Amino acid sequence: MPEIQVYCWNVNGLRSCAKKGFLAWLEGANAHIVGLQEVRAREEQLDPEVACPQGWHTHFVSAERPGYSGVATYSRIKPDKITVELGIAEMDREGRTQILRFGPLTIVNCYFPNGNGKNRDLSRVPFKLNFYDALFQKLQPAMTSGERVIVMGDFNTAHREIDLARPQQNKKSSGFLQEERQEMDRWINAGWIDTFRHFEQGGGHYTWWSQRFGVRAKNIGWRIDYILASPGAMPFVRNASIDSEVQGSDHCPIRVSLDSQILEDNKAVTGRN
């Protein structure tokens, strides 16, 4: 296994996505680890072949509120440890976080909150910013000590103007507010690497499109799904991509390829160099 393929996908309801070919995509993606967001179903509500396909280890985290939020991870490699709490009750009850340990590699699968309230009134922006901060604080010690950490998920924020098709029209919209973008700045300025931007500096690359007719075909989208790498993990990242042709959700999958040595301890890696 020279490379490990890690995928991230907001499926906008796994039961719905399963009807649109999720399992066929999973088997054809040559994936080793797949983090899903917005699952919106408990494990027992899924068909058995979706909840636990043959050859996969699966783990689900559900919100207390039915049909809301939720994350899941499918992996060919069995994780050594899984943590699902940030330690803040109002955040943990929404089922947004999985932290999985694969030897020296930590994979964080997160569904960051949307800043909009029920009436698109921006009332959830403070909660969203607090979630960003809570996860940042939890991961920062591992990042600064050189550990190999990958953070993937729907961040619900377009970081820069290049990351959405119509930045001028959306400066007062959640997902492109200055205070949301500043949270992304904080992560990047602290040393986290936006893996896609490391390899691709051009525009027109998006991960989410409105479901209004024709919007996706015209590529009027937002890049709000990210895979970030810590400085300790980045030397093992071989490439990153957005698989915008994949249907089944209003988001598309994103991917990084990792050198398989990322799963080996430092002594083993040093011994090969």
Protein backbone atom coordinates (compact mmCIF):
# COMPACT_ATOMS: atom_id res chain seq x y z
CA MET A 1 0.00 0.00 0.00
CA PRO A 2 2.26 2.83 -1.23
CA GLU A 3 -0.40 5.51 -0.69
CA ILE A 4 -3.42 5.93 1.55
CA GLN A 5 -6.43 7.60 -0.04
CA VAL A 6 -8.38 9.74 2.44
CA TYR A 7 -11.75 11.15 1.38
CA CYS A 8 -14.09 13.69 2.93
CA TRP A 9 -17.71 14.16 1.83
CA ASN A 10 -20.76 15.97 3.15
CA VAL A 11 -23.41 13.54 1.93
CA ASN A 12 -26.42 15.73 2.84
CA GLY A 13 -28.26 12.74 4.32
CA LEU A 14 -26.65 9.32 3.99
CA ARG A 15 -29.93 7.52 3.38
CA SER A 16 -30.61 9.81 0.43
CA CYS A 17 -27.05 9.55 -0.85
CA ALA A 18 -27.22 5.74 -0.59
CA LYS A 19 -30.15 5.78 -3.02
CA LYS A 20 -28.00 7.81 -5.43
CA GLY A 21 -25.06 5.43 -5.56
CA PHE A 22 -23.02 5.96 -2.40
CA LEU A 23 -21.99 2.30 -2.10
CA ALA A 24 -20.94 2.10 -5.74
CA TRP A 25 -18.84 5.23 -5.25
CA LEU A 26 -17.32 3.83 -2.05
CA GLU A 27 -16.24 0.62 -3.75
CA GLY A 28 -14.89 2.41 -6.82
CA ALA A 29 -13.01 5.21 -5.07
CA ASN A 30 -10.00 3.11 -4.02
CA ALA A 31 -10.45 4.72 -0.61
CA HIS A 32 -8.84 3.68 2.66
CA ILE A 33 -10.42 6.24 5.01
CA VAL A 34 -13.66 8.12 4.30
CA GLY A 35 -15.08 10.81 6.58
CA LEU A 36 -18.72 11.75 6.05
CA GLN A 37 -20.58 14.76 7.37
CA GLU A 38 -24.28 15.61 7.65
CA VAL A 39 -25.18 11.92 7.88
CA ARG A 40 -28.59 12.79 9.42
CA ALA A 41 -29.34 9.22 10.49
CA ARG A 42 -28.52 6.91 13.33
CA GLU A 43 -26.62 3.76 12.51
CA GLU A 44 -29.66 1.57 13.20
CA GLN A 45 -31.72 3.60 10.71
CA LEU A 46 -29.41 2.67 7.84
CA ASP A 47 -29.61 -0.45 5.70
CA PRO A 48 -27.04 -2.97 6.98
CA GLU A 49 -25.00 -2.87 3.79
CA VAL A 50 -24.71 0.92 4.17
CA ALA A 51 -24.06 0.89 7.92
CA CYS A 52 -21.30 -1.68 7.67
CA PRO A 53 -20.21 -2.69 4.15
CA GLN A 54 -18.07 -5.77 3.89
CA GLY A 55 -14.39 -5.00 4.35
CA TRP A 56 -14.96 -1.72 6.17
CA HIS A 57 -14.77 -0.60 9.78
CA THR A 58 -17.49 1.98 10.44
CA HIS A 59 -18.24 4.37 13.27
CA PHE A 60 -21.16 6.80 13.56
CA VAL A 61 -21.80 9.82 15.77
CA SER A 62 -25.37 11.12 15.85
CA ALA A 63 -26.94 14.30 17.15
CA GLU A 64 -29.50 14.13 19.92
CA ARG A 65 -31.94 15.86 17.56
CA PRO A 66 -33.30 13.32 15.05
CA GLY A 67 -32.38 13.76 11.39
CA TYR A 68 -29.81 16.44 12.11
CA SER A 69 -26.05 16.77 11.67
CA GLY A 70 -24.01 13.62 12.40
CA VAL A 71 -20.65 12.32 11.17
CA ALA A 72 -19.36 8.89 10.21
CA THR A 73 -16.06 7.31 9.25
CA TYR A 74 -15.50 4.29 7.02
CA SER A 75 -12.00 2.84 7.10
CA ARG A 76 -10.20 -0.17 5.69
CA ILE A 77 -7.80 0.19 8.60
CA LYS A 78 -9.15 -0.37 12.09
CA PRO A 79 -8.64 2.72 14.26
CA ASP A 80 -6.80 2.29 17.55
CA LYS A 81 -8.93 4.85 19.36
CA ILE A 82 -11.96 7.06 18.66
CA THR A 83 -12.94 10.18 20.59
CA VAL A 84 -16.21 12.00 19.90
CA GLU A 85 -16.31 14.76 22.50
CA LEU A 86 -14.93 18.26 22.58
CA GLY A 87 -15.97 18.42 26.22
CA ILE A 88 -18.59 21.13 25.65
CA ALA A 89 -22.11 19.73 26.07
CA GLU A 90 -23.92 22.08 23.68
CA MET A 91 -21.48 21.13 20.92
CA ASP A 92 -21.18 17.44 21.70
CA ARG A 93 -24.94 16.90 21.62
CA GLU A 94 -24.94 17.93 17.95
CA GLY A 95 -22.79 14.96 16.86
CA ARG A 96 -20.21 16.91 14.88
CA THR A 97 -16.85 15.44 15.84
CA GLN A 98 -14.81 12.26 15.44
CA ILE A 99 -11.13 12.05 16.34
CA LEU A 100 -9.63 8.76 15.18
CA ARG A 101 -6.16 7.45 15.92
CA PHE A 102 -4.36 5.21 13.45
CA GLY A 103 -0.98 4.61 15.09
CA PRO A 104 0.96 7.92 14.83
CA LEU A 105 -1.71 9.45 12.55
CA THR A 106 -4.72 11.33 13.92
CA ILE A 107 -7.69 11.89 11.61
CA VAL A 108 -10.27 14.48 12.67
CA ASN A 109 -13.62 14.31 10.92
CA CYS A 110 -15.79 17.36 11.65
CA TYR A 111 -19.01 18.98 10.55
CA PHE A 112 -18.62 22.64 11.44
CA PRO A 113 -21.87 24.51 12.21
CA ASN A 114 -23.62 26.81 9.80
CA GLY A 115 -23.96 30.36 11.06
CA ASN A 116 -27.56 30.72 9.93
CA GLY A 117 -30.47 30.28 12.32
CA LYS A 118 -33.85 28.93 11.31
CA ASN A 119 -34.68 32.13 9.43
CA ARG A 120 -31.19 32.72 7.95
CA ASP A 121 -30.70 35.41 10.60
CA LEU A 122 -27.00 34.74 11.39
CA SER A 123 -28.01 33.84 14.95
CA ARG A 124 -25.75 30.77 15.00
CA VAL A 125 -22.58 32.63 14.04
CA PRO A 126 -21.37 32.92 17.68
CA PHE A 127 -21.92 29.18 18.19
CA LYS A 128 -20.06 28.46 14.96
CA LEU A 129 -17.09 30.61 15.97
CA ASN A 130 -17.01 28.98 19.40
CA PHE A 131 -16.92 25.56 17.75
CA TYR A 132 -13.97 26.62 15.59
CA ASP A 133 -12.18 27.83 18.70
CA ALA A 134 -12.93 24.74 20.78
CA LEU A 135 -11.58 22.37 18.14
CA PHE A 136 -8.57 24.61 17.50
CA GLN A 137 -7.67 24.61 21.19
CA LYS A 138 -8.11 20.86 21.45
CA LEU A 139 -5.81 20.13 18.51
CA GLN A 140 -3.22 22.85 18.90
CA PRO A 141 -0.98 20.97 21.40
CA ALA A 142 -0.69 17.99 19.05
CA MET A 143 -0.05 20.24 16.07
CA THR A 144 2.65 22.32 17.74
CA SER A 145 4.42 19.23 19.11
CA GLY A 146 4.87 17.88 15.58
CA GLU A 147 2.23 15.15 15.59
CA ARG A 148 0.70 13.97 12.32
CA VAL A 149 -2.84 15.33 12.26
CA ILE A 150 -5.31 15.58 9.37
CA VAL A 151 -8.47 17.67 9.92
CA MET A 152 -11.18 17.16 7.32
CA GLY A 153 -14.76 18.20 7.00
CA ASP A 154 -17.35 20.69 5.92
CA PHE A 155 -15.98 23.89 7.47
CA ASN A 156 -19.01 25.87 6.22
CA THR A 157 -16.74 28.79 5.34
CA ALA A 158 -15.17 29.94 2.09
CA HIS A 159 -11.77 31.19 3.15
CA ARG A 160 -10.87 33.66 0.40
CA GLU A 161 -12.61 35.36 -2.53
CA ILE A 162 -11.13 32.76 -4.86
CA ASP A 163 -13.08 30.12 -2.93
CA LEU A 164 -16.54 31.13 -4.12
CA ALA A 165 -17.95 32.17 -7.45
CA ARG A 166 -19.69 35.36 -6.27
CA PRO A 167 -17.75 36.87 -3.35
CA GLN A 168 -19.08 40.42 -3.67
CA GLN A 169 -22.70 39.31 -3.38
CA ASN A 170 -22.04 37.16 -0.31
CA LYS A 171 -20.01 39.35 2.04
CA LYS A 172 -22.97 39.53 4.42
CA SER A 173 -23.84 35.84 4.10
CA SER A 174 -22.88 33.22 6.64
CA GLY A 175 -20.03 31.25 5.14
CA PHE A 176 -18.23 34.37 3.95
CA LEU A 177 -18.51 36.77 6.87
CA GLN A 178 -15.31 38.49 7.88
CA GLU A 179 -15.35 36.94 11.35
CA GLU A 180 -15.79 33.44 9.89
CA ARG A 181 -12.95 33.95 7.42
CA GLN A 182 -10.76 35.23 10.26
CA GLU A 183 -11.23 31.89 12.03
CA MET A 184 -9.89 30.17 8.92
CA ASP A 185 -7.02 32.67 8.93
CA ARG A 186 -6.22 31.71 12.51
CA TRP A 187 -5.87 28.04 11.61
CA ILE A 188 -3.67 28.75 8.60
CA ASN A 189 -1.56 31.35 10.42
CA ALA A 190 -1.01 28.87 13.25
CA GLY A 191 0.60 26.44 10.81
CA TRP A 192 -2.19 24.25 9.45
CA ILE A 193 -1.89 23.69 5.69
CA ASP A 194 -4.85 23.83 3.32
CA THR A 195 -3.83 20.78 1.30
CA PHE A 196 -5.81 21.64 -1.83
CA ARG A 197 -4.38 25.16 -2.02
CA HIS A 198 -0.90 23.75 -1.50
CA PHE A 199 -1.20 22.04 -4.89
CA GLU A 200 -3.71 24.28 -6.74
CA GLN A 201 -3.64 28.09 -6.70
CA GLY A 202 -6.25 28.68 -9.38
CA GLY A 203 -9.91 29.58 -9.09
CA GLY A 204 -13.11 27.87 -10.16
CA HIS A 205 -12.73 24.91 -7.79
CA TYR A 206 -15.73 24.41 -5.53
CA THR A 207 -17.16 21.72 -3.26
CA TRP A 208 -20.74 22.90 -2.70
CA TRP A 209 -23.44 24.25 -5.01
CA SER A 210 -26.95 25.47 -4.32
CA GLN A 211 -29.63 23.00 -5.36
CA ARG A 212 -31.36 25.64 -7.44
CA PHE A 213 -31.75 24.51 -11.03
CA GLY A 214 -28.67 24.99 -13.20
CA VAL A 215 -26.36 26.31 -10.49
CA ARG A 216 -24.06 23.31 -10.38
CA ALA A 217 -23.96 22.99 -14.15
CA LYS A 218 -22.81 26.62 -14.32
CA ASN A 219 -20.28 25.96 -11.51
CA ILE A 220 -21.60 28.76 -9.31
CA GLY A 221 -20.24 27.25 -6.14
CA TRP A 222 -18.37 27.59 -2.87
CA ARG A 223 -15.27 25.78 -1.61
CA ILE A 224 -16.28 25.12 2.00
CA ASP A 225 -14.94 21.57 2.46
CA TYR A 226 -11.29 21.25 3.43
CA ILE A 227 -8.59 18.81 4.40
CA LEU A 228 -6.00 20.52 6.58
CA ALA A 229 -2.67 18.96 7.47
CA SER A 230 -0.46 19.71 10.44
CA PRO A 231 3.21 20.48 9.69
CA GLY A 232 3.99 17.01 11.02
CA ALA A 233 1.63 15.40 8.52
CA MET A 234 2.26 17.57 5.47
CA PRO A 235 5.53 15.86 4.37
CA PHE A 236 3.47 12.71 3.79
CA VAL A 237 0.79 14.43 1.63
CA ARG A 238 1.38 13.51 -2.01
CA ASN A 239 -1.55 15.32 -3.66
CA ALA A 240 -5.04 16.69 -3.06
CA SER A 241 -8.09 16.96 -5.28
CA ILE A 242 -11.75 17.91 -5.52
CA ASP A 243 -13.89 15.27 -7.23
CA SER A 244 -16.50 17.69 -8.53
CA GLU A 245 -17.96 15.21 -11.03
CA VAL A 246 -19.30 12.95 -8.24
CA GLN A 247 -23.04 13.38 -7.74
CA GLY A 248 -25.27 12.22 -4.88
CA SER A 249 -25.16 15.33 -2.69
CA ASP A 250 -25.03 19.10 -2.98
CA HIS A 251 -21.37 18.71 -1.93
CA CYS A 252 -18.76 16.65 -3.73
CA PRO A 253 -15.99 14.51 -2.22
CA ILE A 254 -12.51 15.87 -1.66
CA ARG A 255 -9.38 13.76 -1.26
CA VAL A 256 -5.76 13.63 -0.18
CA SER A 257 -3.22 10.92 -0.97
CA LEU A 258 -0.86 10.14 1.90
CA ASP A 259 2.39 8.23 1.80
CA SER A 260 1.76 5.03 3.73
CA GLN A 261 4.79 5.77 5.89
CA ILE A 262 2.56 8.21 7.77
CA LEU A 263 1.26 5.16 9.65
CA GLU A 264 4.74 4.12 10.76
CA ASP A 265 6.47 5.42 13.85
CA ASN A 266 9.36 7.83 13.55
CA LYS A 267 11.98 5.15 14.07
CA ALA A 268 10.61 3.06 11.21
CA VAL A 269 10.43 6.06 8.89
CA THR A 270 13.93 7.23 9.83
CA GLY A 271 15.27 3.75 9.26
CA ARG A 272 14.07 3.83 5.65
CA ASN A 273 15.51 7.23 4.83
